[in-house]
N, C-alpha and C. Protein backbone atom coordinates (compact mmCIF):
# COMPACT_ATOMS: atom_id res chain seq x y z
N MET A 1 -9.86 24.31 -44.11
CA MET A 1 -8.59 24.55 -43.44
C MET A 1 -8.70 24.28 -41.93
N GLU A 2 -9.80 24.75 -41.34
CA GLU A 2 -9.99 24.54 -39.90
C GLU A 2 -10.10 23.06 -39.57
N GLU A 3 -10.76 22.31 -40.44
CA GLU A 3 -10.89 20.86 -40.22
C GLU A 3 -9.53 20.17 -40.33
N PHE A 4 -8.69 20.63 -41.25
CA PHE A 4 -7.35 20.08 -41.41
C PHE A 4 -6.52 20.30 -40.14
N ILE A 5 -6.59 21.53 -39.60
CA ILE A 5 -5.85 21.85 -38.37
C ILE A 5 -6.38 21.02 -37.20
N ASN A 6 -7.71 20.87 -37.12
CA ASN A 6 -8.28 20.04 -36.05
C ASN A 6 -7.83 18.59 -36.16
N ASN A 7 -7.71 18.07 -37.38
CA ASN A 7 -7.22 16.70 -37.56
C ASN A 7 -5.77 16.57 -37.11
N ILE A 8 -4.95 17.55 -37.48
CA ILE A 8 -3.55 17.52 -37.06
C ILE A 8 -3.46 17.59 -35.54
N LEU A 9 -4.23 18.49 -34.93
CA LEU A 9 -4.21 18.62 -33.48
C LEU A 9 -4.73 17.36 -32.79
N TYR A 10 -5.71 16.70 -33.38
CA TYR A 10 -6.22 15.46 -32.81
C TYR A 10 -5.10 14.43 -32.70
N TYR A 11 -4.34 14.26 -33.78
CA TYR A 11 -3.23 13.29 -33.75
C TYR A 11 -2.09 13.77 -32.85
N LEU A 12 -1.85 15.07 -32.83
CA LEU A 12 -0.81 15.61 -31.96
C LEU A 12 -1.16 15.38 -30.48
N ILE A 13 -2.40 15.62 -30.12
CA ILE A 13 -2.85 15.36 -28.75
C ILE A 13 -2.70 13.89 -28.42
N TRP A 14 -3.07 13.04 -29.34
CA TRP A 14 -2.97 11.60 -29.14
C TRP A 14 -1.50 11.19 -28.92
N ILE A 15 -0.59 11.75 -29.71
CA ILE A 15 0.84 11.44 -29.58
C ILE A 15 1.37 11.93 -28.24
N ILE A 16 0.97 13.14 -27.82
CA ILE A 16 1.44 13.68 -26.55
C ILE A 16 0.96 12.80 -25.38
N GLU A 17 -0.29 12.33 -25.45
CA GLU A 17 -0.80 11.44 -24.40
C GLU A 17 -0.04 10.13 -24.38
N ILE A 18 0.26 9.58 -25.55
CA ILE A 18 1.02 8.33 -25.63
C ILE A 18 2.42 8.52 -25.04
N ILE A 19 3.04 9.66 -25.31
CA ILE A 19 4.36 9.95 -24.75
C ILE A 19 4.28 10.00 -23.22
N GLY A 20 3.26 10.67 -22.69
CA GLY A 20 3.08 10.73 -21.24
C GLY A 20 2.90 9.35 -20.62
N ILE A 21 2.07 8.52 -21.25
CA ILE A 21 1.85 7.16 -20.75
C ILE A 21 3.14 6.36 -20.83
N ALA A 22 3.86 6.49 -21.93
CA ALA A 22 5.12 5.75 -22.09
C ALA A 22 6.14 6.15 -21.04
N ILE A 23 6.21 7.43 -20.72
CA ILE A 23 7.15 7.90 -19.70
C ILE A 23 6.80 7.29 -18.34
N ILE A 24 5.52 7.29 -18.01
CA ILE A 24 5.09 6.73 -16.72
C ILE A 24 5.36 5.23 -16.66
N VAL A 25 5.04 4.51 -17.74
CA VAL A 25 5.28 3.06 -17.75
C VAL A 25 6.77 2.76 -17.68
N PHE A 26 7.57 3.46 -18.48
CA PHE A 26 9.01 3.25 -18.46
C PHE A 26 9.58 3.54 -17.07
N GLY A 27 9.19 4.67 -16.47
CA GLY A 27 9.69 5.03 -15.16
C GLY A 27 9.30 4.02 -14.09
N THR A 28 8.11 3.47 -14.21
CA THR A 28 7.66 2.45 -13.25
C THR A 28 8.51 1.20 -13.35
N PHE A 29 8.70 0.70 -14.58
CA PHE A 29 9.50 -0.51 -14.75
C PHE A 29 10.97 -0.26 -14.39
N TYR A 30 11.49 0.89 -14.76
CA TYR A 30 12.87 1.22 -14.43
C TYR A 30 13.07 1.26 -12.92
N SER A 31 12.13 1.89 -12.21
CA SER A 31 12.22 1.96 -10.76
C SER A 31 12.07 0.59 -10.12
N LEU A 32 11.19 -0.23 -10.68
CA LEU A 32 11.01 -1.57 -10.15
C LEU A 32 12.28 -2.40 -10.31
N ILE A 33 12.91 -2.30 -11.47
CA ILE A 33 14.17 -3.03 -11.70
C ILE A 33 15.26 -2.51 -10.77
N LYS A 34 15.32 -1.18 -10.64
CA LYS A 34 16.32 -0.58 -9.75
C LYS A 34 16.08 -1.03 -8.30
N PHE A 35 14.82 -1.09 -7.89
CA PHE A 35 14.49 -1.56 -6.55
C PHE A 35 14.91 -3.01 -6.35
N ALA A 36 14.63 -3.86 -7.34
CA ALA A 36 14.99 -5.28 -7.23
C ALA A 36 16.50 -5.45 -7.13
N VAL A 37 17.25 -4.72 -7.94
CA VAL A 37 18.71 -4.80 -7.90
C VAL A 37 19.22 -4.35 -6.54
N GLU A 38 18.72 -3.22 -6.05
CA GLU A 38 19.17 -2.71 -4.76
C GLU A 38 18.74 -3.63 -3.62
N PHE A 39 17.59 -4.26 -3.74
CA PHE A 39 17.11 -5.18 -2.71
C PHE A 39 18.04 -6.38 -2.59
N TYR A 40 18.44 -6.93 -3.73
CA TYR A 40 19.34 -8.09 -3.70
C TYR A 40 20.77 -7.68 -3.32
N ARG A 41 21.14 -6.46 -3.62
CA ARG A 41 22.47 -5.98 -3.27
C ARG A 41 22.59 -5.70 -1.77
N HIS A 42 21.51 -5.21 -1.17
CA HIS A 42 21.51 -4.84 0.24
C HIS A 42 20.41 -5.61 0.97
N LYS A 43 20.51 -6.91 1.01
CA LYS A 43 19.47 -7.71 1.65
C LYS A 43 19.29 -7.38 3.12
N LYS A 44 20.36 -7.01 3.79
CA LYS A 44 20.27 -6.71 5.21
C LYS A 44 19.56 -5.39 5.47
N ASP A 45 19.74 -4.42 4.58
CA ASP A 45 19.13 -3.11 4.77
C ASP A 45 18.51 -2.62 3.46
N PRO A 46 17.32 -3.13 3.10
CA PRO A 46 16.72 -2.74 1.82
C PRO A 46 16.24 -1.29 1.80
N LYS A 47 16.12 -0.64 2.97
CA LYS A 47 15.66 0.74 3.00
C LYS A 47 16.76 1.73 2.67
N SER A 48 17.97 1.25 2.53
CA SER A 48 19.10 2.15 2.35
C SER A 48 19.01 2.97 1.07
N SER A 49 18.41 2.44 0.02
CA SER A 49 18.36 3.19 -1.23
C SER A 49 16.94 3.48 -1.68
N ASN A 50 15.95 3.25 -0.83
CA ASN A 50 14.57 3.47 -1.22
C ASN A 50 14.28 4.92 -1.57
N SER A 51 14.91 5.86 -0.89
CA SER A 51 14.62 7.26 -1.16
C SER A 51 15.10 7.67 -2.55
N SER A 52 16.24 7.15 -2.98
CA SER A 52 16.70 7.50 -4.34
C SER A 52 15.79 6.87 -5.39
N ILE A 53 15.28 5.69 -5.12
CA ILE A 53 14.35 5.05 -6.06
C ILE A 53 13.03 5.82 -6.09
N LYS A 54 12.59 6.31 -4.94
CA LYS A 54 11.38 7.14 -4.89
C LYS A 54 11.56 8.39 -5.74
N LEU A 55 12.75 8.99 -5.64
CA LEU A 55 13.02 10.20 -6.42
C LEU A 55 12.96 9.93 -7.91
N VAL A 56 13.54 8.81 -8.33
CA VAL A 56 13.53 8.45 -9.75
C VAL A 56 12.09 8.25 -10.22
N LEU A 57 11.32 7.47 -9.47
CA LEU A 57 9.93 7.22 -9.86
C LEU A 57 9.11 8.50 -9.85
N ALA A 58 9.29 9.33 -8.84
CA ALA A 58 8.54 10.59 -8.77
C ALA A 58 8.87 11.51 -9.94
N ASN A 59 10.13 11.54 -10.35
CA ASN A 59 10.50 12.35 -11.52
C ASN A 59 9.79 11.87 -12.78
N TYR A 60 9.78 10.56 -12.99
CA TYR A 60 9.09 10.02 -14.16
C TYR A 60 7.58 10.28 -14.09
N LEU A 61 6.98 10.10 -12.92
CA LEU A 61 5.55 10.35 -12.78
C LEU A 61 5.21 11.81 -13.05
N ALA A 62 6.00 12.70 -12.50
CA ALA A 62 5.75 14.13 -12.71
C ALA A 62 5.89 14.50 -14.17
N LEU A 63 6.91 13.99 -14.84
CA LEU A 63 7.10 14.30 -16.25
C LEU A 63 5.95 13.74 -17.10
N GLY A 64 5.56 12.50 -16.84
CA GLY A 64 4.46 11.90 -17.57
C GLY A 64 3.16 12.65 -17.36
N LEU A 65 2.90 13.07 -16.12
CA LEU A 65 1.68 13.83 -15.84
C LEU A 65 1.70 15.19 -16.53
N GLU A 66 2.87 15.79 -16.64
CA GLU A 66 2.97 17.07 -17.34
C GLU A 66 2.59 16.92 -18.82
N PHE A 67 3.05 15.85 -19.45
CA PHE A 67 2.68 15.60 -20.84
C PHE A 67 1.17 15.39 -20.97
N MET A 68 0.61 14.62 -20.06
CA MET A 68 -0.82 14.34 -20.13
C MET A 68 -1.64 15.60 -19.84
N LEU A 69 -1.16 16.44 -18.96
CA LEU A 69 -1.82 17.70 -18.68
C LEU A 69 -1.77 18.62 -19.90
N ALA A 70 -0.64 18.64 -20.57
CA ALA A 70 -0.52 19.45 -21.79
C ALA A 70 -1.50 18.98 -22.86
N ALA A 71 -1.64 17.67 -23.01
CA ALA A 71 -2.58 17.13 -23.98
C ALA A 71 -4.01 17.49 -23.61
N GLU A 72 -4.33 17.45 -22.33
CA GLU A 72 -5.68 17.78 -21.86
C GLU A 72 -6.00 19.25 -22.11
N ILE A 73 -5.02 20.11 -21.89
CA ILE A 73 -5.22 21.54 -22.15
C ILE A 73 -5.42 21.78 -23.64
N LEU A 74 -4.62 21.14 -24.47
CA LEU A 74 -4.80 21.27 -25.92
C LEU A 74 -6.18 20.78 -26.35
N ARG A 75 -6.62 19.69 -25.80
CA ARG A 75 -7.93 19.14 -26.15
C ARG A 75 -9.04 20.11 -25.76
N THR A 76 -8.90 20.75 -24.62
CA THR A 76 -9.91 21.70 -24.16
C THR A 76 -9.97 22.92 -25.07
N VAL A 77 -8.83 23.37 -25.50
CA VAL A 77 -8.77 24.58 -26.32
C VAL A 77 -9.27 24.33 -27.74
N THR A 78 -9.00 23.15 -28.27
CA THR A 78 -9.26 22.91 -29.69
C THR A 78 -10.66 22.42 -30.01
N THR A 79 -11.40 21.92 -29.04
CA THR A 79 -12.72 21.37 -29.36
C THR A 79 -13.82 22.19 -28.71
N ASN A 80 -14.96 22.19 -29.34
CA ASN A 80 -16.13 22.86 -28.78
C ASN A 80 -16.76 21.91 -27.77
N ARG A 81 -16.89 22.38 -26.56
CA ARG A 81 -17.39 21.54 -25.48
C ARG A 81 -18.60 22.21 -24.83
N THR A 82 -19.43 21.38 -24.24
CA THR A 82 -20.54 21.91 -23.44
C THR A 82 -19.98 22.34 -22.09
N LEU A 83 -20.78 23.09 -21.36
CA LEU A 83 -20.33 23.58 -20.05
C LEU A 83 -20.04 22.42 -19.11
N GLU A 84 -20.85 21.37 -19.17
CA GLU A 84 -20.63 20.20 -18.30
C GLU A 84 -19.30 19.51 -18.63
N GLU A 85 -18.99 19.35 -19.93
CA GLU A 85 -17.72 18.74 -20.33
C GLU A 85 -16.53 19.59 -19.90
N ILE A 86 -16.68 20.91 -20.00
CA ILE A 86 -15.60 21.81 -19.59
C ILE A 86 -15.38 21.71 -18.09
N MET A 87 -16.44 21.57 -17.32
CA MET A 87 -16.30 21.43 -15.86
C MET A 87 -15.59 20.12 -15.52
N VAL A 88 -15.92 19.03 -16.22
CA VAL A 88 -15.26 17.75 -15.98
C VAL A 88 -13.78 17.85 -16.36
N LEU A 89 -13.49 18.46 -17.51
CA LEU A 89 -12.09 18.63 -17.92
C LEU A 89 -11.34 19.53 -16.95
N GLY A 90 -12.01 20.56 -16.46
CA GLY A 90 -11.38 21.43 -15.46
C GLY A 90 -11.03 20.67 -14.20
N ALA A 91 -11.94 19.79 -13.77
CA ALA A 91 -11.67 18.97 -12.59
C ALA A 91 -10.50 18.04 -12.84
N ILE A 92 -10.43 17.45 -14.04
CA ILE A 92 -9.31 16.56 -14.39
C ILE A 92 -8.00 17.34 -14.37
N ILE A 93 -8.02 18.53 -14.94
CA ILE A 93 -6.81 19.35 -14.98
C ILE A 93 -6.38 19.73 -13.57
N ILE A 94 -7.34 20.09 -12.73
CA ILE A 94 -7.01 20.45 -11.34
C ILE A 94 -6.43 19.25 -10.60
N LEU A 95 -7.03 18.07 -10.78
CA LEU A 95 -6.52 16.87 -10.12
C LEU A 95 -5.12 16.52 -10.59
N ARG A 96 -4.88 16.58 -11.89
CA ARG A 96 -3.55 16.27 -12.41
C ARG A 96 -2.52 17.29 -11.95
N ALA A 97 -2.93 18.56 -11.92
CA ALA A 97 -2.00 19.59 -11.44
C ALA A 97 -1.70 19.38 -9.96
N ALA A 98 -2.73 19.01 -9.17
CA ALA A 98 -2.50 18.75 -7.75
C ALA A 98 -1.58 17.55 -7.56
N MET A 99 -1.77 16.52 -8.36
CA MET A 99 -0.89 15.35 -8.28
C MET A 99 0.54 15.74 -8.61
N SER A 100 0.71 16.55 -9.65
CA SER A 100 2.06 16.99 -10.01
C SER A 100 2.69 17.80 -8.89
N LEU A 101 1.92 18.70 -8.28
CA LEU A 101 2.45 19.49 -7.18
C LEU A 101 2.84 18.62 -6.00
N LEU A 102 2.01 17.63 -5.69
CA LEU A 102 2.34 16.73 -4.59
C LEU A 102 3.61 15.93 -4.88
N ILE A 103 3.75 15.52 -6.12
CA ILE A 103 4.96 14.77 -6.50
C ILE A 103 6.18 15.67 -6.40
N TYR A 104 6.07 16.91 -6.88
CA TYR A 104 7.21 17.82 -6.77
C TYR A 104 7.53 18.14 -5.31
N TRP A 105 6.51 18.27 -4.48
CA TRP A 105 6.73 18.50 -3.06
C TRP A 105 7.48 17.32 -2.45
N GLU A 106 7.04 16.11 -2.79
CA GLU A 106 7.71 14.90 -2.30
C GLU A 106 9.15 14.85 -2.78
N LEU A 107 9.37 15.23 -4.04
CA LEU A 107 10.73 15.25 -4.58
C LEU A 107 11.62 16.20 -3.80
N SER A 108 11.13 17.39 -3.56
CA SER A 108 11.97 18.36 -2.85
C SER A 108 12.24 17.89 -1.42
N TYR A 109 11.25 17.27 -0.79
CA TYR A 109 11.44 16.76 0.56
C TYR A 109 12.49 15.66 0.58
N GLU A 110 12.39 14.72 -0.35
CA GLU A 110 13.35 13.60 -0.41
C GLU A 110 14.75 14.10 -0.75
N GLU A 111 14.85 15.08 -1.65
CA GLU A 111 16.16 15.62 -2.00
C GLU A 111 16.81 16.31 -0.80
N LYS A 112 16.02 17.06 -0.05
CA LYS A 112 16.56 17.71 1.15
C LYS A 112 17.00 16.67 2.17
N LYS A 113 16.20 15.62 2.30
CA LYS A 113 16.53 14.56 3.25
C LYS A 113 17.83 13.87 2.84
N GLU A 114 18.01 13.61 1.55
CA GLU A 114 19.25 12.99 1.08
C GLU A 114 20.44 13.91 1.29
N LEU A 115 20.26 15.21 1.08
CA LEU A 115 21.36 16.15 1.31
C LEU A 115 21.76 16.17 2.78
N LEU A 116 20.78 16.13 3.68
CA LEU A 116 21.10 16.10 5.11
C LEU A 116 21.84 14.82 5.48
N ILE A 117 21.42 13.70 4.94
CA ILE A 117 22.10 12.43 5.20
C ILE A 117 23.52 12.48 4.67
N GLU A 118 23.69 13.05 3.48
CA GLU A 118 25.02 13.19 2.87
C GLU A 118 25.92 14.07 3.73
N LYS A 119 25.38 15.17 4.25
CA LYS A 119 26.17 16.06 5.11
C LYS A 119 26.59 15.35 6.39
N LYS A 120 25.66 14.58 6.95
CA LYS A 120 25.98 13.84 8.18
C LYS A 120 27.07 12.81 7.93
N LYS A 121 27.02 12.16 6.79
CA LYS A 121 28.05 11.17 6.44
C LYS A 121 29.40 11.85 6.27
N ASN A 122 29.39 13.00 5.60
CA ASN A 122 30.64 13.73 5.39
C ASN A 122 31.23 14.23 6.71
N LYS A 123 30.39 14.68 7.62
CA LYS A 123 30.88 15.14 8.93
C LYS A 123 31.46 13.98 9.74
N SER A 124 30.83 12.82 9.63
CA SER A 124 31.32 11.68 10.42
C SER A 124 32.60 11.10 9.85
N THR A 125 32.86 11.31 8.55
CA THR A 125 34.09 10.77 7.97
C THR A 125 35.29 11.70 8.16
N ILE A 126 35.03 12.97 8.48
CA ILE A 126 36.11 13.91 8.72
C ILE A 126 36.64 13.70 10.13
N LYS A 127 37.92 13.44 10.24
CA LYS A 127 38.53 13.19 11.55
C LYS A 127 39.23 14.45 12.02
N PRO A 128 39.08 14.75 13.31
CA PRO A 128 39.77 15.93 13.84
C PRO A 128 41.27 15.72 13.90
N LEU A 129 42.00 16.81 13.86
CA LEU A 129 43.46 16.75 13.89
C LEU A 129 43.99 16.42 15.21
């Protein structure tokens, strides 16, 4: 029975990792296409929409890393590992968690920046009586 559960978990971990990779690849290509479209649409000012494209890519990267982190945690829990392997996996988990935190920090910074830009635009379009 234990071997059956380990086999199921092995394939489940594999599927979760594939989902994480697919999300990252999809998000990268989607952001690249979005960047190309915006670049050709705004040839004079290509930086005008870069922050929104960064946000899209960062969201996909964060989500993909979360899936891969979940798979790594499942792998650590389900298999018997030596102390050295556990230390390496712990380092991988810490690095992935740090990357996710940095991406979320960047997301919140970019979102705040976009909100400030939006407020400034709204203030400049309002005309006094």
